[in-house]
N, C-alpha and C. Protein backbone atom coordinates (compact mmCIF):
# COMPACT_ATOMS: atom_id res chain seq x y z
N UNK A 1 -145.37 -28.79 181.24
CA UNK A 1 -144.61 -28.75 182.47
C UNK A 1 -145.11 -27.57 183.30
N UNK A 2 -145.41 -27.83 184.56
CA UNK A 2 -145.93 -26.78 185.43
C UNK A 2 -144.78 -25.93 185.98
N UNK A 3 -145.16 -24.76 186.49
CA UNK A 3 -144.16 -23.86 187.09
C UNK A 3 -143.44 -24.56 188.25
N UNK A 4 -144.17 -25.28 189.08
CA UNK A 4 -143.53 -25.94 190.23
C UNK A 4 -142.56 -27.03 189.76
N UNK A 5 -142.89 -27.72 188.67
CA UNK A 5 -141.96 -28.71 188.12
C UNK A 5 -140.70 -28.04 187.59
N UNK A 6 -140.87 -26.90 186.94
CA UNK A 6 -139.72 -26.15 186.42
C UNK A 6 -138.82 -25.71 187.57
N UNK A 7 -139.43 -25.16 188.63
CA UNK A 7 -138.65 -24.70 189.77
C UNK A 7 -137.92 -25.86 190.44
N UNK A 8 -138.61 -26.96 190.62
CA UNK A 8 -138.01 -28.13 191.25
C UNK A 8 -136.83 -28.67 190.45
N UNK A 9 -137.04 -28.83 189.15
CA UNK A 9 -136.00 -29.35 188.27
C UNK A 9 -134.81 -28.39 188.21
N UNK A 10 -135.10 -27.10 188.14
CA UNK A 10 -134.06 -26.08 188.08
C UNK A 10 -133.24 -26.07 189.37
N UNK A 11 -133.91 -26.04 190.50
CA UNK A 11 -133.19 -26.03 191.78
C UNK A 11 -132.34 -27.28 191.95
N UNK A 12 -132.85 -28.40 191.48
CA UNK A 12 -132.12 -29.66 191.58
C UNK A 12 -130.78 -29.59 190.84
N UNK A 13 -130.79 -29.10 189.59
CA UNK A 13 -129.52 -29.04 188.87
C UNK A 13 -128.62 -27.92 189.38
N UNK A 14 -129.19 -26.86 189.93
CA UNK A 14 -128.35 -25.80 190.49
C UNK A 14 -127.59 -26.30 191.71
N UNK A 15 -128.27 -27.03 192.57
CA UNK A 15 -127.62 -27.59 193.76
C UNK A 15 -126.55 -28.59 193.35
N UNK A 16 -126.90 -29.45 192.39
CA UNK A 16 -125.99 -30.50 191.95
C UNK A 16 -124.77 -29.95 191.20
N UNK A 17 -125.00 -29.11 190.23
CA UNK A 17 -123.93 -28.65 189.34
C UNK A 17 -123.13 -27.47 189.88
N UNK A 18 -123.78 -26.60 190.66
CA UNK A 18 -123.10 -25.40 191.13
C UNK A 18 -122.80 -25.44 192.62
N UNK A 19 -123.12 -26.57 193.24
CA UNK A 19 -122.79 -26.83 194.64
C UNK A 19 -123.21 -25.69 195.57
N UNK A 20 -124.43 -25.21 195.34
CA UNK A 20 -125.00 -24.17 196.20
C UNK A 20 -126.00 -24.84 197.14
N UNK A 21 -126.09 -24.32 198.35
CA UNK A 21 -127.03 -24.88 199.32
C UNK A 21 -128.45 -24.56 198.88
N UNK A 22 -129.31 -25.56 198.94
CA UNK A 22 -130.69 -25.42 198.47
C UNK A 22 -131.43 -24.29 199.16
N UNK A 23 -131.14 -24.06 200.45
CA UNK A 23 -131.87 -23.01 201.18
C UNK A 23 -131.49 -21.60 200.74
N UNK A 24 -130.41 -21.46 199.96
CA UNK A 24 -130.01 -20.15 199.44
C UNK A 24 -130.72 -19.82 198.13
N UNK A 25 -131.37 -20.82 197.54
CA UNK A 25 -132.09 -20.62 196.28
C UNK A 25 -133.53 -20.24 196.60
N UNK A 26 -133.74 -18.94 196.66
CA UNK A 26 -135.08 -18.40 196.92
C UNK A 26 -135.40 -17.41 195.81
N UNK A 27 -136.68 -17.24 195.48
CA UNK A 27 -137.04 -16.42 194.32
C UNK A 27 -136.43 -15.02 194.28
N UNK A 28 -136.28 -14.37 195.44
CA UNK A 28 -135.78 -13.00 195.44
C UNK A 28 -134.26 -12.89 195.50
N UNK A 29 -133.55 -14.01 195.65
CA UNK A 29 -132.08 -13.98 195.70
C UNK A 29 -131.51 -13.66 194.31
N UNK A 30 -130.37 -12.98 194.32
CA UNK A 30 -129.69 -12.62 193.07
C UNK A 30 -128.96 -13.85 192.53
N UNK A 31 -129.30 -14.25 191.33
CA UNK A 31 -128.77 -15.47 190.71
C UNK A 31 -127.24 -15.47 190.66
N UNK A 32 -126.67 -14.44 190.09
CA UNK A 32 -125.22 -14.37 189.88
C UNK A 32 -124.46 -14.43 191.21
N UNK A 33 -124.93 -13.68 192.20
CA UNK A 33 -124.25 -13.64 193.50
C UNK A 33 -124.40 -14.95 194.26
N UNK A 34 -125.59 -15.50 194.25
CA UNK A 34 -125.85 -16.74 195.00
C UNK A 34 -125.05 -17.91 194.43
N UNK A 35 -125.01 -18.00 193.10
CA UNK A 35 -124.30 -19.11 192.46
C UNK A 35 -122.82 -18.80 192.24
N UNK A 36 -122.43 -17.53 192.49
CA UNK A 36 -121.04 -17.08 192.28
C UNK A 36 -120.59 -17.41 190.85
N UNK A 37 -121.39 -16.95 189.89
CA UNK A 37 -121.15 -17.26 188.49
C UNK A 37 -120.09 -16.37 187.86
N UNK A 38 -119.21 -17.00 187.09
CA UNK A 38 -118.31 -16.24 186.22
C UNK A 38 -118.73 -16.56 184.78
N UNK A 39 -118.01 -16.03 183.82
CA UNK A 39 -118.45 -16.21 182.42
C UNK A 39 -118.46 -17.67 181.99
N UNK A 40 -117.52 -18.47 182.45
CA UNK A 40 -117.51 -19.89 182.11
C UNK A 40 -118.68 -20.63 182.75
N UNK A 41 -119.05 -20.21 183.96
CA UNK A 41 -120.20 -20.82 184.62
C UNK A 41 -121.49 -20.56 183.84
N UNK A 42 -121.59 -19.37 183.23
CA UNK A 42 -122.77 -19.08 182.42
C UNK A 42 -122.86 -20.04 181.24
N UNK A 43 -121.72 -20.38 180.65
CA UNK A 43 -121.71 -21.34 179.54
C UNK A 43 -122.23 -22.69 180.04
N UNK A 44 -121.73 -23.12 181.20
CA UNK A 44 -122.20 -24.38 181.79
C UNK A 44 -123.70 -24.32 182.06
N UNK A 45 -124.15 -23.20 182.59
CA UNK A 45 -125.57 -23.03 182.90
C UNK A 45 -126.43 -23.16 181.65
N UNK A 46 -126.00 -22.54 180.57
CA UNK A 46 -126.72 -22.61 179.30
C UNK A 46 -126.80 -24.05 178.79
N UNK A 47 -125.69 -24.75 178.83
CA UNK A 47 -125.65 -26.15 178.38
C UNK A 47 -126.61 -27.00 179.21
N UNK A 48 -126.61 -26.80 180.51
CA UNK A 48 -127.49 -27.58 181.39
C UNK A 48 -128.96 -27.26 181.10
N UNK A 49 -129.27 -25.99 180.94
CA UNK A 49 -130.65 -25.59 180.63
C UNK A 49 -131.10 -26.24 179.33
N UNK A 50 -130.26 -26.15 178.31
CA UNK A 50 -130.62 -26.70 177.00
C UNK A 50 -130.84 -28.20 177.07
N UNK A 51 -129.98 -28.92 177.78
CA UNK A 51 -130.13 -30.38 177.85
C UNK A 51 -131.29 -30.79 178.76
N UNK A 52 -131.55 -30.01 179.79
CA UNK A 52 -132.63 -30.36 180.73
C UNK A 52 -134.01 -30.06 180.15
N UNK A 53 -134.13 -28.90 179.50
CA UNK A 53 -135.46 -28.46 179.06
C UNK A 53 -135.67 -28.55 177.55
N UNK A 54 -134.62 -28.80 176.78
CA UNK A 54 -134.78 -29.05 175.36
C UNK A 54 -135.02 -27.84 174.49
N UNK A 55 -134.49 -26.69 174.87
CA UNK A 55 -134.60 -25.50 174.01
C UNK A 55 -133.26 -24.79 173.99
N UNK A 56 -133.05 -23.97 172.98
CA UNK A 56 -131.81 -23.21 172.83
C UNK A 56 -131.90 -21.90 173.62
N UNK A 57 -130.77 -21.51 174.17
CA UNK A 57 -130.67 -20.27 174.92
C UNK A 57 -129.63 -19.39 174.24
N UNK A 58 -129.96 -18.11 174.09
CA UNK A 58 -129.00 -17.14 173.55
C UNK A 58 -128.74 -16.09 174.63
N UNK A 59 -127.65 -15.38 174.47
CA UNK A 59 -127.24 -14.40 175.48
C UNK A 59 -128.35 -13.39 175.79
N UNK A 60 -129.09 -12.98 174.76
CA UNK A 60 -130.15 -11.99 174.95
C UNK A 60 -131.24 -12.49 175.89
N UNK A 61 -131.39 -13.81 175.99
CA UNK A 61 -132.41 -14.36 176.89
C UNK A 61 -132.15 -13.96 178.34
N UNK A 62 -130.89 -13.75 178.67
CA UNK A 62 -130.53 -13.43 180.05
C UNK A 62 -130.65 -11.94 180.36
N UNK A 63 -130.98 -11.13 179.37
CA UNK A 63 -131.19 -9.70 179.61
C UNK A 63 -132.34 -9.54 180.59
N UNK A 64 -132.10 -8.87 181.68
CA UNK A 64 -133.14 -8.65 182.68
C UNK A 64 -133.28 -9.78 183.69
N UNK A 65 -132.46 -10.82 183.57
CA UNK A 65 -132.52 -11.92 184.53
C UNK A 65 -131.55 -11.60 185.67
N UNK A 66 -132.11 -11.25 186.81
CA UNK A 66 -131.29 -10.94 187.98
C UNK A 66 -131.53 -11.91 189.13
N UNK A 67 -132.79 -12.19 189.40
CA UNK A 67 -133.14 -13.04 190.53
C UNK A 67 -133.49 -14.46 190.05
N UNK A 68 -133.62 -15.35 191.00
CA UNK A 68 -134.05 -16.71 190.65
C UNK A 68 -135.45 -16.67 190.05
N UNK A 69 -136.32 -15.76 190.54
CA UNK A 69 -137.66 -15.66 189.97
C UNK A 69 -137.58 -15.29 188.49
N UNK A 70 -136.70 -14.34 188.14
CA UNK A 70 -136.51 -13.98 186.73
C UNK A 70 -136.06 -15.20 185.93
N UNK A 71 -135.17 -15.98 186.52
CA UNK A 71 -134.62 -17.17 185.87
C UNK A 71 -135.73 -18.20 185.64
N UNK A 72 -136.55 -18.44 186.66
CA UNK A 72 -137.67 -19.37 186.51
C UNK A 72 -138.64 -18.89 185.43
N UNK A 73 -138.91 -17.58 185.42
CA UNK A 73 -139.82 -17.02 184.43
C UNK A 73 -139.27 -17.21 183.01
N UNK A 74 -137.96 -17.01 182.85
CA UNK A 74 -137.32 -17.22 181.55
C UNK A 74 -137.52 -18.66 181.08
N UNK A 75 -137.24 -19.60 181.95
CA UNK A 75 -137.37 -21.02 181.58
C UNK A 75 -138.82 -21.36 181.28
N UNK A 76 -139.73 -20.86 182.11
CA UNK A 76 -141.16 -21.13 181.88
C UNK A 76 -141.60 -20.58 180.52
N UNK A 77 -141.16 -19.37 180.19
CA UNK A 77 -141.52 -18.76 178.91
C UNK A 77 -140.96 -19.58 177.74
N UNK A 78 -139.69 -19.99 177.84
CA UNK A 78 -139.06 -20.75 176.76
C UNK A 78 -139.70 -22.13 176.61
N UNK A 79 -140.04 -22.77 177.72
CA UNK A 79 -140.71 -24.07 177.66
C UNK A 79 -142.08 -23.90 176.99
N UNK A 80 -142.77 -22.81 177.33
CA UNK A 80 -144.08 -22.53 176.71
C UNK A 80 -143.96 -22.28 175.23
N UNK A 81 -142.93 -21.54 174.82
CA UNK A 81 -142.70 -21.28 173.39
C UNK A 81 -142.40 -22.57 172.65
N UNK A 82 -141.64 -23.44 173.27
CA UNK A 82 -141.29 -24.73 172.66
C UNK A 82 -142.55 -25.58 172.48
N UNK A 83 -143.43 -25.54 173.46
CA UNK A 83 -144.65 -26.35 173.40
C UNK A 83 -145.58 -25.88 172.27
N UNK A 84 -145.57 -24.59 172.00
CA UNK A 84 -146.43 -24.01 170.97
C UNK A 84 -145.87 -24.29 169.58
N UNK A 85 -144.54 -24.33 169.48
CA UNK A 85 -143.88 -24.52 168.16
C UNK A 85 -144.12 -25.88 167.57
């Protein structure tokens, strides 16, 4: 899966599930603020990531994830790790 496919798929479920306007999802935007995430939303986000991309996510994975770019990088790294395993 290419980076652009990851970004496209990710943005699609963010717009759909978190009802955020697509034009607000830009790499430098702060994920938590843009999506207005609370702790329950993070649980939903993890479930969606796991079902969409087929890998497990743990809380530590989100350490250092602030922007959408960080989020895309996390998913790309996990997808790459899954492909190697």
